[in-house]
Amino acid sequence: MELQSQYPLPPKHYTRFTDEAIAAGTDPLLRPPPPLGPGVAAYTVFGDNIRLTDRAPLLSEMGIVQLFPDEDGPGFDRASELKKLNHSLLLNFLELQHILTKRPEEYIAKIEDIRLIYINIHYLLNGYRPHQARDTLKLFMELQVKRRQNMTTSIQSCLNEIKDVFRELEKSIDRVIEPSHQREDAINGHTNGENIDDMVDGIVTNGGIVDSVDNMDVDAKEEKSRYWERKKRLRDYAQSI
């Protein structure tokens, strides 16, 4: 009753685990089990047989009739054995239909035969699990490599775009600064005795400085617009990673 309740009580022998009993060491229940000796392939825990080697138990070890030859035998072909069991399964299913029409009371034995065939098929199919695990791991690793390659290509593309932006900025700065230097050289190099103020007034009147300032504003606005557009693209790409 204690083991079947939702919240079972602790086992009654917990009262034997006292400090005095543990110090005495006379109670065999309080002593740990001896270590497993060499050559031991399994041990029992709570009634379950635990194997030390990672191997699926044989059908004979589970008390089930094995309908195919031993896997370690010469010439064993798993695919061929699966085909044979599949044919046997179809034949037994046809026999079950015949029994249900002629002798319905005998169907239980045929159901057990079909169940045994299914167990053997399932056991042989489980033999492909290691191959499936290796192929799945290989596929995952290939996907990781491909994803990282795509990410590297995208990052390199963004770096190239950033380099293009800096080159365009350098060209724009040169286009804006060069006319100013030319006008300064013209003003500083004037030796005809003309009044500097008159020359500056002439440049302003002809619209040279005004045009230069206007062009500077237009270039700055275009570069600013391109800068924010590329910044938005970089932010969207960073969020998508």
Protein backbone atom coordinates (compact mmCIF):
# COMPACT_ATOMS: atom_id res chain seq x y z
CA MET A 1 0.00 0.00 0.00
CA GLU A 2 2.87 2.37 0.73
CA LEU A 3 4.37 1.89 -2.73
CA GLN A 4 1.06 2.45 -4.53
CA SER A 5 0.02 5.70 -2.82
CA GLN A 6 0.68 9.06 -4.43
CA TYR A 7 2.94 10.22 -1.59
CA PRO A 8 4.38 7.01 -0.07
CA LEU A 9 5.94 7.03 3.38
CA PRO A 10 9.67 6.35 3.72
CA PRO A 11 10.55 2.65 4.12
CA LYS A 12 10.31 1.33 7.65
CA HIS A 13 13.95 0.30 7.86
CA TYR A 14 15.06 3.97 7.81
CA THR A 15 14.96 3.82 11.61
CA ARG A 16 17.96 1.48 11.51
CA PHE A 17 20.19 4.26 10.12
CA THR A 18 21.29 5.70 13.45
CA ASP A 19 24.68 7.10 14.38
CA GLU A 20 25.33 4.24 16.79
CA ALA A 21 24.40 1.55 14.25
CA ILE A 22 26.52 3.19 11.53
CA ALA A 23 29.50 3.46 13.92
CA ALA A 24 29.14 -0.18 14.96
CA GLY A 25 28.84 -1.43 11.37
CA THR A 26 27.19 -4.66 12.43
CA ASP A 27 23.98 -4.21 10.42
CA PRO A 28 24.53 -5.60 6.90
CA LEU A 29 21.92 -3.21 5.53
CA LEU A 30 24.07 -0.24 6.55
CA ARG A 31 27.21 -1.49 4.86
CA PRO A 32 27.71 -0.55 1.19
CA PRO A 33 27.69 -3.42 -1.29
CA PRO A 34 31.06 -4.85 -2.28
CA PRO A 35 32.62 -3.52 -5.48
CA LEU A 36 32.01 -5.38 -8.69
CA GLY A 37 34.77 -7.82 -9.48
CA PRO A 38 36.48 -8.23 -12.85
CA GLY A 39 34.42 -9.84 -15.55
CA VAL A 40 31.07 -8.67 -14.15
CA ALA A 41 28.90 -7.55 -17.07
CA ALA A 42 25.75 -6.48 -15.20
CA TYR A 43 24.36 -5.58 -11.78
CA THR A 44 20.87 -5.26 -10.31
CA VAL A 45 19.30 -2.04 -9.04
CA PHE A 46 15.72 -2.05 -7.73
CA GLY A 47 15.09 -5.27 -9.59
CA ASP A 48 16.37 -3.99 -12.96
CA ASN A 49 19.33 -5.63 -14.62
CA ILE A 50 21.83 -2.87 -15.60
CA ARG A 51 24.55 -3.73 -18.10
CA LEU A 52 28.01 -2.19 -17.92
CA THR A 53 28.51 -2.39 -21.68
CA ASP A 54 26.44 -0.23 -24.03
CA ARG A 55 24.74 -3.04 -25.90
CA ALA A 56 21.12 -3.76 -26.65
CA PRO A 57 19.94 -6.99 -25.01
CA LEU A 58 19.36 -9.96 -27.27
CA LEU A 59 15.87 -11.29 -27.85
CA SER A 60 16.83 -14.55 -26.17
CA GLU A 61 17.92 -12.60 -23.08
CA MET A 62 14.46 -11.00 -22.92
CA GLY A 63 12.70 -14.36 -23.26
CA ILE A 64 11.53 -13.77 -26.84
CA VAL A 65 11.87 -16.24 -29.69
CA GLN A 66 14.35 -15.06 -32.31
CA LEU A 67 13.16 -15.68 -35.88
CA PHE A 68 16.40 -14.81 -37.68
CA PRO A 69 19.98 -16.17 -37.42
CA ASP A 70 22.56 -14.69 -35.10
CA GLU A 71 23.91 -11.31 -36.15
CA ASP A 72 27.47 -12.44 -35.49
CA GLY A 73 27.10 -15.38 -37.83
CA PRO A 74 28.68 -15.53 -41.30
CA GLY A 75 26.67 -14.07 -44.16
CA PHE A 76 24.15 -12.25 -41.97
CA ASP A 77 22.28 -9.63 -43.99
CA ARG A 78 19.95 -7.40 -42.00
CA ALA A 79 18.06 -6.09 -45.04
CA SER A 80 17.48 -9.63 -46.36
CA GLU A 81 16.18 -10.79 -42.99
CA LEU A 82 13.82 -7.83 -42.81
CA LYS A 83 12.39 -8.73 -46.22
CA LYS A 84 11.84 -12.33 -45.09
CA LEU A 85 10.05 -11.19 -41.94
CA ASN A 86 7.93 -8.81 -43.98
CA HIS A 87 6.83 -11.65 -46.26
CA SER A 88 6.06 -13.79 -43.20
CA LEU A 89 4.01 -10.94 -41.76
CA LEU A 90 1.90 -10.67 -44.93
CA LEU A 91 1.39 -14.44 -45.02
CA ASN A 92 0.31 -14.54 -41.38
CA PHE A 93 -2.09 -11.67 -41.96
CA LEU A 94 -3.74 -13.60 -44.82
CA GLU A 95 -3.93 -16.67 -42.61
CA LEU A 96 -5.55 -14.57 -39.88
CA GLN A 97 -8.25 -13.47 -42.33
CA HIS A 98 -8.86 -17.10 -43.29
CA ILE A 99 -9.08 -18.15 -39.62
CA LEU A 100 -11.53 -15.36 -38.83
CA THR A 101 -13.84 -16.57 -41.58
CA LYS A 102 -13.52 -20.31 -40.93
CA ARG A 103 -12.45 -20.80 -37.27
CA PRO A 104 -12.82 -17.50 -35.36
CA GLU A 105 -12.06 -19.09 -32.02
CA GLU A 106 -8.45 -19.82 -33.11
CA TYR A 107 -7.48 -16.24 -33.90
CA ILE A 108 -5.54 -15.67 -30.63
CA ALA A 109 -2.65 -17.96 -31.62
CA LYS A 110 -2.29 -16.23 -34.98
CA ILE A 111 -2.32 -12.79 -33.31
CA GLU A 112 0.57 -13.95 -31.12
CA ASP A 113 2.49 -15.06 -34.21
CA ILE A 114 2.03 -11.66 -35.82
CA ARG A 115 3.09 -9.96 -32.59
CA LEU A 116 6.27 -12.07 -32.48
CA ILE A 117 7.10 -11.14 -36.09
CA TYR A 118 6.63 -7.44 -35.29
CA ILE A 119 8.97 -7.68 -32.29
CA ASN A 120 11.68 -9.29 -34.45
CA ILE A 121 11.26 -6.64 -37.18
CA HIS A 122 11.49 -3.88 -34.58
CA TYR A 123 14.64 -5.42 -33.13
CA LEU A 124 16.34 -5.58 -36.52
CA LEU A 125 15.34 -2.00 -37.35
CA ASN A 126 16.87 -0.79 -34.08
CA GLY A 127 20.19 -2.09 -35.38
CA TYR A 128 20.23 0.87 -37.80
CA ARG A 129 20.05 3.43 -34.98
CA PRO A 130 23.85 3.96 -34.74
CA HIS A 131 24.03 4.62 -38.49
CA GLN A 132 21.11 7.03 -38.24
CA ALA A 133 22.75 8.86 -35.33
CA ARG A 134 26.04 9.26 -37.25
CA ASP A 135 24.29 10.50 -40.39
CA THR A 136 22.18 12.95 -38.35
CA LEU A 137 25.28 14.31 -36.61
CA LYS A 138 27.04 14.64 -39.97
CA LEU A 139 24.06 16.58 -41.37
CA PHE A 140 23.98 18.94 -38.37
CA MET A 141 27.71 19.65 -38.69
CA GLU A 142 27.35 20.37 -42.42
CA LEU A 143 24.49 22.78 -41.70
CA GLN A 144 26.60 24.56 -39.06
CA VAL A 145 29.51 24.94 -41.50
CA LYS A 146 27.21 26.26 -44.21
CA ARG A 147 25.53 28.72 -41.82
CA ARG A 148 28.89 30.04 -40.65
CA GLN A 149 30.13 30.39 -44.22
CA ASN A 150 27.02 32.39 -45.12
CA MET A 151 27.50 34.57 -42.04
CA THR A 152 31.16 35.18 -42.95
CA THR A 153 30.16 36.14 -46.50
CA SER A 154 27.52 38.57 -45.19
CA ILE A 155 29.99 40.16 -42.76
CA GLN A 156 32.56 40.55 -45.53
CA SER A 157 29.93 42.17 -47.74
CA CYS A 158 29.05 44.63 -45.00
CA LEU A 159 32.74 45.44 -44.52
CA ASN A 160 33.08 46.13 -48.24
CA GLU A 161 30.07 48.44 -48.12
CA ILE A 162 31.55 50.30 -45.16
CA LYS A 163 34.83 50.73 -47.04
CA ASP A 164 32.90 52.12 -50.02
CA VAL A 165 31.15 54.59 -47.72
CA PHE A 166 34.47 55.84 -46.36
CA ARG A 167 35.91 56.20 -49.85
CA GLU A 168 32.88 58.21 -50.97
CA LEU A 169 33.18 60.38 -47.89
CA GLU A 170 36.83 61.09 -48.68
CA LYS A 171 35.96 62.02 -52.25
CA SER A 172 33.13 64.29 -51.07
CA ILE A 173 35.39 66.03 -48.59
CA ASP A 174 37.99 66.57 -51.31
CA ARG A 175 35.36 68.03 -53.65
CA VAL A 176 34.18 70.42 -50.96
CA ILE A 177 37.61 71.51 -49.70
CA GLU A 178 39.37 71.91 -53.08
CA PRO A 179 37.35 74.94 -54.36
CA SER A 180 37.93 76.72 -51.05
CA HIS A 181 41.69 76.25 -51.33
CA GLN A 182 41.63 77.52 -54.88
CA ARG A 183 39.84 80.72 -53.87
CA GLU A 184 42.21 81.24 -50.95
CA ASP A 185 45.17 80.85 -53.32
CA ALA A 186 43.61 83.29 -55.74
CA ILE A 187 43.03 85.87 -53.01
CA ASN A 188 46.49 85.47 -51.47
CA GLY A 189 48.23 85.48 -54.83
CA HIS A 190 46.56 88.67 -56.17
CA THR A 191 49.43 91.15 -57.07
CA ASN A 192 47.77 93.57 -59.46
CA GLY A 193 47.18 96.12 -56.73
CA GLU A 194 43.46 95.44 -56.73
CA ASN A 195 41.67 95.94 -53.45
CA ILE A 196 41.08 92.64 -51.67
CA ASP A 197 37.68 93.76 -50.52
CA ASP A 198 36.67 94.55 -54.09
CA MET A 199 37.84 91.11 -55.24
CA VAL A 200 35.90 89.34 -52.47
CA ASP A 201 32.84 91.44 -53.33
CA GLY A 202 33.26 90.37 -56.95
CA ILE A 203 33.45 86.69 -56.01
CA VAL A 204 30.40 87.00 -53.79
CA THR A 205 28.56 88.96 -56.49
CA ASN A 206 29.40 86.36 -59.15
CA GLY A 207 28.00 83.69 -56.90
CA GLY A 208 31.18 81.65 -56.48
CA ILE A 209 31.13 81.35 -52.68
CA VAL A 210 27.38 80.99 -52.58
CA ASP A 211 27.50 78.18 -55.10
CA SER A 212 30.28 76.49 -53.14
CA VAL A 213 28.31 76.67 -49.89
CA ASP A 214 25.17 75.41 -51.62
CA ASN A 215 27.08 72.52 -53.17
CA MET A 216 28.59 71.74 -49.77
CA ASP A 217 25.14 71.60 -48.18
CA VAL A 218 23.80 69.35 -50.94
CA ASP A 219 26.77 66.96 -50.68
CA ALA A 220 26.53 66.86 -46.91
CA LYS A 221 22.81 66.05 -47.06
CA GLU A 222 23.37 63.28 -49.61
CA GLU A 223 26.20 61.76 -47.58
CA LYS A 224 24.13 62.00 -44.42
CA SER A 225 21.20 60.28 -46.13
CA ARG A 226 23.45 57.49 -47.43
CA TYR A 227 25.06 57.15 -44.00
CA TRP A 228 21.74 56.65 -42.21
CA GLU A 229 20.54 54.26 -44.91
CA ARG A 230 23.63 52.05 -44.51
CA LYS A 231 23.43 52.28 -40.74
CA LYS A 232 19.84 51.05 -40.89
CA ARG A 233 20.89 48.14 -43.12
CA LEU A 234 23.70 47.20 -40.72
CA ARG A 235 21.33 47.36 -37.72
CA ASP A 236 18.76 45.17 -39.51
CA TYR A 237 21.46 42.66 -40.40
CA ALA A 238 22.76 42.59 -36.80
CA GLN A 239 19.25 41.90 -35.51
CA SER A 240 18.78 39.08 -38.01
CA ILE A 241 21.90 37.21 -36.79
